[in-house]
Amino acid sequence: MEKKLHTVLTIRLFTDEKCFGPGIATLLHHIEDLHSLRSASMKMNMAYSKAWTIVRNAEAQLGFKLLHSTTGGRHGGGATLTEEARELLTAYDGFCRELQETADALYEKYFSKY
């Protein structure tokens, strides 16, 4: 089997500390789809407590809430993204997509013979 050279880009946003990257972006996409932090964490094979820690740390660094959540009970709980979280996720996804397109063009320019 031939091994093909390729690039892998990951984008992480920082304030004083790392606050947003591919992991939390994936978690937020799953929350948006499943309306549940617990279900999103299960889909990622992540402990629910770890998912909450990631969300809380990101919120502290970013300075705004990422989730509206309701506790369980008779009708169950749930989570939805705040407007700020949706805007950040959309910007992050767009930035990553455009950066990958640029990187693909540069890769072709410099490494196409490999």
N, C-alpha and C. Protein backbone atom coordinates (compact mmCIF):
# COMPACT_ATOMS: atom_id res chain seq x y z
N MET A 1 0.85 -1.18 0.00
CA MET A 1 0.00 0.00 0.00
C MET A 1 0.89 1.24 0.00
N GLU A 2 0.58 2.16 -0.88
CA GLU A 2 1.35 3.40 -0.99
C GLU A 2 0.93 4.37 0.10
N LYS A 3 1.91 4.95 0.76
CA LYS A 3 1.63 5.97 1.77
C LYS A 3 1.64 7.32 1.09
N LYS A 4 0.56 8.06 1.28
CA LYS A 4 0.45 9.37 0.65
C LYS A 4 0.72 10.46 1.67
N LEU A 5 1.62 11.36 1.33
CA LEU A 5 1.92 12.50 2.17
C LEU A 5 0.74 13.46 2.16
N HIS A 6 0.39 13.97 3.32
CA HIS A 6 -0.74 14.90 3.42
C HIS A 6 -0.57 15.81 4.63
N THR A 7 -1.36 16.84 4.70
CA THR A 7 -1.32 17.76 5.84
C THR A 7 -2.51 17.50 6.76
N VAL A 8 -2.32 17.85 8.01
CA VAL A 8 -3.41 17.83 8.98
C VAL A 8 -3.32 19.14 9.76
N LEU A 9 -4.33 19.95 9.64
CA LEU A 9 -4.37 21.23 10.35
C LEU A 9 -5.38 21.16 11.47
N THR A 10 -5.00 21.65 12.63
CA THR A 10 -5.96 21.81 13.72
C THR A 10 -5.83 23.24 14.24
N ILE A 11 -6.95 23.86 14.44
CA ILE A 11 -6.98 25.25 14.88
C ILE A 11 -7.47 25.31 16.31
N ARG A 12 -6.69 25.96 17.14
CA ARG A 12 -7.06 26.18 18.54
C ARG A 12 -7.01 27.68 18.82
N LEU A 13 -8.03 28.17 19.48
CA LEU A 13 -8.10 29.58 19.84
C LEU A 13 -7.69 29.73 21.31
N PHE A 14 -6.94 30.77 21.59
CA PHE A 14 -6.41 31.01 22.93
C PHE A 14 -6.78 32.40 23.43
N THR A 15 -6.97 32.52 24.71
CA THR A 15 -6.91 33.79 25.42
C THR A 15 -5.61 33.66 26.22
N ASP A 16 -5.67 33.62 27.53
CA ASP A 16 -4.48 33.28 28.32
C ASP A 16 -4.19 31.78 28.22
N GLU A 17 -5.25 31.02 28.01
CA GLU A 17 -5.16 29.57 27.89
C GLU A 17 -5.96 29.14 26.67
N LYS A 18 -5.78 27.87 26.28
CA LYS A 18 -6.58 27.34 25.18
C LYS A 18 -8.04 27.40 25.58
N CYS A 19 -8.89 27.90 24.69
CA CYS A 19 -10.30 28.01 25.05
C CYS A 19 -11.24 27.40 24.01
N PHE A 20 -10.77 27.16 22.80
CA PHE A 20 -11.68 26.62 21.79
C PHE A 20 -10.86 25.91 20.73
N GLY A 21 -11.33 24.74 20.33
CA GLY A 21 -10.64 23.97 19.31
C GLY A 21 -11.54 22.90 18.74
N PRO A 22 -10.94 21.94 18.06
CA PRO A 22 -11.74 20.93 17.37
C PRO A 22 -12.58 20.06 18.31
N GLY A 23 -12.09 19.79 19.51
CA GLY A 23 -12.84 18.95 20.44
C GLY A 23 -14.13 19.59 20.90
N ILE A 24 -14.05 20.83 21.37
CA ILE A 24 -15.27 21.49 21.84
C ILE A 24 -16.17 21.84 20.67
N ALA A 25 -15.59 22.12 19.50
CA ALA A 25 -16.43 22.37 18.32
C ALA A 25 -17.27 21.13 18.00
N THR A 26 -16.64 19.96 18.02
CA THR A 26 -17.37 18.72 17.77
C THR A 26 -18.43 18.50 18.84
N LEU A 27 -18.08 18.73 20.09
CA LEU A 27 -19.05 18.59 21.18
C LEU A 27 -20.25 19.50 20.96
N LEU A 28 -20.01 20.76 20.60
CA LEU A 28 -21.12 21.70 20.37
C LEU A 28 -21.97 21.28 19.18
N HIS A 29 -21.36 20.78 18.12
CA HIS A 29 -22.15 20.28 16.98
C HIS A 29 -23.06 19.14 17.41
N HIS A 30 -22.54 18.23 18.24
CA HIS A 30 -23.36 17.12 18.72
C HIS A 30 -24.48 17.61 19.63
N ILE A 31 -24.19 18.59 20.47
CA ILE A 31 -25.24 19.16 21.33
C ILE A 31 -26.32 19.79 20.47
N GLU A 32 -25.91 20.48 19.42
CA GLU A 32 -26.88 21.11 18.52
C GLU A 32 -27.78 20.06 17.88
N ASP A 33 -27.20 18.93 17.50
CA ASP A 33 -27.96 17.86 16.86
C ASP A 33 -28.83 17.07 17.84
N LEU A 34 -28.28 16.80 19.03
CA LEU A 34 -28.92 15.89 19.98
C LEU A 34 -29.67 16.60 21.10
N HIS A 35 -29.46 17.92 21.25
CA HIS A 35 -30.10 18.72 22.30
C HIS A 35 -29.81 18.19 23.70
N SER A 36 -28.60 17.65 23.87
CA SER A 36 -28.25 17.08 25.16
C SER A 36 -26.73 17.00 25.28
N LEU A 37 -26.21 17.54 26.38
CA LEU A 37 -24.79 17.42 26.65
C LEU A 37 -24.43 15.96 26.96
N ARG A 38 -25.29 15.28 27.70
CA ARG A 38 -25.03 13.88 28.04
C ARG A 38 -24.96 13.02 26.78
N SER A 39 -25.92 13.18 25.88
CA SER A 39 -25.92 12.40 24.65
C SER A 39 -24.73 12.75 23.77
N ALA A 40 -24.38 14.03 23.72
CA ALA A 40 -23.23 14.47 22.93
C ALA A 40 -21.94 13.87 23.48
N SER A 41 -21.80 13.87 24.81
CA SER A 41 -20.58 13.30 25.40
C SER A 41 -20.53 11.79 25.17
N MET A 42 -21.66 11.12 25.25
CA MET A 42 -21.70 9.67 24.99
C MET A 42 -21.30 9.38 23.54
N LYS A 43 -21.78 10.20 22.62
CA LYS A 43 -21.45 10.00 21.21
C LYS A 43 -19.95 10.12 20.98
N MET A 44 -19.28 10.93 21.79
CA MET A 44 -17.84 11.13 21.66
C MET A 44 -17.04 10.19 22.58
N ASN A 45 -17.75 9.26 23.25
CA ASN A 45 -17.10 8.36 24.22
C ASN A 45 -16.34 9.15 25.29
N MET A 46 -16.99 10.18 25.78
CA MET A 46 -16.41 11.08 26.77
C MET A 46 -17.28 11.06 28.02
N ALA A 47 -16.64 11.12 29.16
CA ALA A 47 -17.40 11.21 30.41
C ALA A 47 -18.19 12.52 30.44
N TYR A 48 -19.42 12.43 30.95
CA TYR A 48 -20.28 13.60 31.06
C TYR A 48 -19.60 14.69 31.88
N SER A 49 -18.92 14.29 32.95
CA SER A 49 -18.24 15.27 33.81
C SER A 49 -17.12 15.97 33.05
N LYS A 50 -16.43 15.24 32.19
CA LYS A 50 -15.36 15.86 31.38
C LYS A 50 -15.97 16.85 30.39
N ALA A 51 -17.08 16.48 29.79
CA ALA A 51 -17.75 17.39 28.84
C ALA A 51 -18.13 18.69 29.54
N TRP A 52 -18.69 18.58 30.75
CA TRP A 52 -19.06 19.79 31.49
C TRP A 52 -17.83 20.62 31.82
N THR A 53 -16.74 19.95 32.19
CA THR A 53 -15.51 20.67 32.51
C THR A 53 -14.99 21.43 31.29
N ILE A 54 -15.03 20.80 30.14
CA ILE A 54 -14.57 21.44 28.90
C ILE A 54 -15.43 22.67 28.60
N VAL A 55 -16.74 22.51 28.72
CA VAL A 55 -17.66 23.63 28.45
C VAL A 55 -17.42 24.76 29.44
N ARG A 56 -17.34 24.44 30.73
CA ARG A 56 -17.13 25.48 31.75
C ARG A 56 -15.81 26.22 31.56
N ASN A 57 -14.75 25.47 31.25
CA ASN A 57 -13.45 26.11 31.03
C ASN A 57 -13.49 27.04 29.82
N ALA A 58 -14.12 26.59 28.75
CA ALA A 58 -14.24 27.43 27.55
C ALA A 58 -15.05 28.69 27.87
N GLU A 59 -16.15 28.52 28.58
CA GLU A 59 -16.98 29.68 28.94
C GLU A 59 -16.19 30.68 29.78
N ALA A 60 -15.39 30.18 30.72
CA ALA A 60 -14.60 31.07 31.57
C ALA A 60 -13.58 31.84 30.75
N GLN A 61 -12.93 31.17 29.81
CA GLN A 61 -11.93 31.83 28.98
C GLN A 61 -12.56 32.79 27.97
N LEU A 62 -13.69 32.41 27.40
CA LEU A 62 -14.34 33.23 26.38
C LEU A 62 -15.10 34.41 26.99
N GLY A 63 -15.59 34.24 28.20
CA GLY A 63 -16.34 35.30 28.85
C GLY A 63 -17.82 35.32 28.51
N PHE A 64 -18.34 34.22 27.97
CA PHE A 64 -19.77 34.11 27.72
C PHE A 64 -20.20 32.65 27.77
N LYS A 65 -21.50 32.47 28.00
CA LYS A 65 -22.08 31.13 28.09
C LYS A 65 -22.16 30.49 26.70
N LEU A 66 -21.94 29.20 26.67
CA LEU A 66 -22.08 28.43 25.43
C LEU A 66 -23.38 27.66 25.37
N LEU A 67 -23.92 27.32 26.55
CA LEU A 67 -25.12 26.48 26.61
C LEU A 67 -26.22 27.07 27.45
N HIS A 68 -27.46 26.82 26.99
CA HIS A 68 -28.65 26.97 27.82
C HIS A 68 -28.99 25.54 28.19
N SER A 69 -29.05 25.24 29.47
CA SER A 69 -29.36 23.87 29.85
C SER A 69 -30.49 23.84 30.86
N THR A 70 -31.24 22.74 30.80
CA THR A 70 -32.30 22.49 31.77
C THR A 70 -32.03 21.14 32.41
N THR A 71 -32.30 21.05 33.69
CA THR A 71 -32.06 19.80 34.39
C THR A 71 -33.14 18.79 34.05
N GLY A 72 -32.78 17.53 34.22
CA GLY A 72 -33.71 16.44 33.92
C GLY A 72 -34.89 16.44 34.86
N GLY A 73 -35.60 15.40 34.84
CA GLY A 73 -36.81 15.30 35.65
C GLY A 73 -37.83 14.52 34.87
N ARG A 74 -39.08 14.75 35.17
CA ARG A 74 -40.17 14.00 34.54
C ARG A 74 -40.12 14.11 33.01
N HIS A 75 -39.86 15.31 32.49
CA HIS A 75 -39.85 15.50 31.04
C HIS A 75 -38.43 15.52 30.47
N GLY A 76 -37.45 15.22 31.28
CA GLY A 76 -36.06 15.19 30.82
C GLY A 76 -35.48 16.58 30.71
N GLY A 77 -34.18 16.62 30.68
CA GLY A 77 -33.49 17.90 30.55
C GLY A 77 -33.05 18.09 29.12
N GLY A 78 -32.14 19.00 28.95
CA GLY A 78 -31.64 19.23 27.61
C GLY A 78 -30.68 20.39 27.59
N ALA A 79 -30.09 20.58 26.43
CA ALA A 79 -29.14 21.68 26.25
C ALA A 79 -29.26 22.20 24.83
N THR A 80 -29.15 23.50 24.71
CA THR A 80 -29.11 24.14 23.40
C THR A 80 -27.97 25.15 23.43
N LEU A 81 -27.49 25.49 22.26
CA LEU A 81 -26.41 26.46 22.16
C LEU A 81 -26.96 27.87 22.33
N THR A 82 -26.17 28.71 22.99
CA THR A 82 -26.53 30.12 23.06
C THR A 82 -26.27 30.75 21.68
N GLU A 83 -26.78 31.93 21.48
CA GLU A 83 -26.55 32.63 20.21
C GLU A 83 -25.05 32.88 20.02
N GLU A 84 -24.36 33.25 21.10
CA GLU A 84 -22.91 33.48 21.02
C GLU A 84 -22.17 32.21 20.62
N ALA A 85 -22.60 31.07 21.16
CA ALA A 85 -21.97 29.80 20.82
C ALA A 85 -22.19 29.46 19.35
N ARG A 86 -23.41 29.68 18.86
CA ARG A 86 -23.70 29.43 17.43
C ARG A 86 -22.83 30.31 16.54
N GLU A 87 -22.72 31.58 16.89
CA GLU A 87 -21.91 32.50 16.10
C GLU A 87 -20.43 32.11 16.12
N LEU A 88 -19.92 31.74 17.29
CA LEU A 88 -18.53 31.32 17.40
C LEU A 88 -18.29 30.03 16.61
N LEU A 89 -19.20 29.08 16.71
CA LEU A 89 -19.06 27.81 16.00
C LEU A 89 -19.11 28.02 14.49
N THR A 90 -19.99 28.88 14.03
CA THR A 90 -20.07 29.19 12.60
C THR A 90 -18.77 29.85 12.13
N ALA A 91 -18.27 30.81 12.91
CA ALA A 91 -17.02 31.48 12.55
C ALA A 91 -15.85 30.49 12.56
N TYR A 92 -15.79 29.64 13.57
CA TYR A 92 -14.72 28.65 13.68
C TYR A 92 -14.75 27.69 12.48
N ASP A 93 -15.93 27.19 12.16
CA ASP A 93 -16.06 26.26 11.03
C ASP A 93 -15.66 26.93 9.72
N GLY A 94 -16.09 28.16 9.51
CA GLY A 94 -15.74 28.89 8.29
C GLY A 94 -14.25 29.16 8.20
N PHE A 95 -13.67 29.57 9.31
CA PHE A 95 -12.22 29.82 9.35
C PHE A 95 -11.45 28.55 9.02
N CYS A 96 -11.83 27.44 9.66
CA CYS A 96 -11.15 26.16 9.42
C CYS A 96 -11.29 25.73 7.96
N ARG A 97 -12.47 25.89 7.40
CA ARG A 97 -12.72 25.49 6.01
C ARG A 97 -11.86 26.32 5.06
N GLU A 98 -11.85 27.64 5.24
CA GLU A 98 -11.05 28.50 4.36
C GLU A 98 -9.56 28.25 4.54
N LEU A 99 -9.13 28.05 5.77
CA LEU A 99 -7.72 27.77 6.01
C LEU A 99 -7.31 26.46 5.35
N GLN A 100 -8.17 25.44 5.42
CA GLN A 100 -7.88 24.16 4.78
C GLN A 100 -7.78 24.32 3.27
N GLU A 101 -8.67 25.11 2.68
CA GLU A 101 -8.62 25.36 1.23
C GLU A 101 -7.29 26.03 0.85
N THR A 102 -6.88 27.01 1.64
CA THR A 102 -5.62 27.69 1.39
C THR A 102 -4.44 26.73 1.57
N ALA A 103 -4.50 25.93 2.61
CA ALA A 103 -3.43 24.95 2.86
C ALA A 103 -3.37 23.92 1.73
N ASP A 104 -4.51 23.50 1.22
CA ASP A 104 -4.53 22.53 0.12
C ASP A 104 -3.84 23.11 -1.12
N ALA A 105 -4.11 24.39 -1.40
CA ALA A 105 -3.47 25.04 -2.55
C ALA A 105 -1.96 25.16 -2.34
N LEU A 106 -1.55 25.54 -1.13
CA LEU A 106 -0.13 25.63 -0.83
C LEU A 106 0.54 24.26 -0.85
N TYR A 107 -0.15 23.27 -0.38
CA TYR A 107 0.38 21.91 -0.42
C TYR A 107 0.64 21.50 -1.87
N GLU A 108 -0.33 21.76 -2.71
CA GLU A 108 -0.19 21.43 -4.14
C GLU A 108 1.02 22.14 -4.75
N LYS A 109 1.20 23.40 -4.37
CA LYS A 109 2.30 24.20 -4.89
C LYS A 109 3.66 23.64 -4.46
N TYR A 110 3.78 23.26 -3.19
CA TYR A 110 5.08 22.89 -2.65
C TYR A 110 5.35 21.38 -2.58
N PHE A 111 4.32 20.58 -2.49
CA PHE A 111 4.53 19.16 -2.24
C PHE A 111 3.88 18.23 -3.26
N SER A 112 3.39 18.74 -4.34
CA SER A 112 2.63 17.91 -5.29
C SER A 112 3.45 16.73 -5.83
N LYS A 113 4.77 16.86 -5.92
CA LYS A 113 5.57 15.77 -6.47
C LYS A 113 5.77 14.64 -5.45
N TYR A 114 5.38 14.86 -4.20
CA TYR A 114 5.54 13.83 -3.19
C TYR A 114 4.26 13.10 -3.04
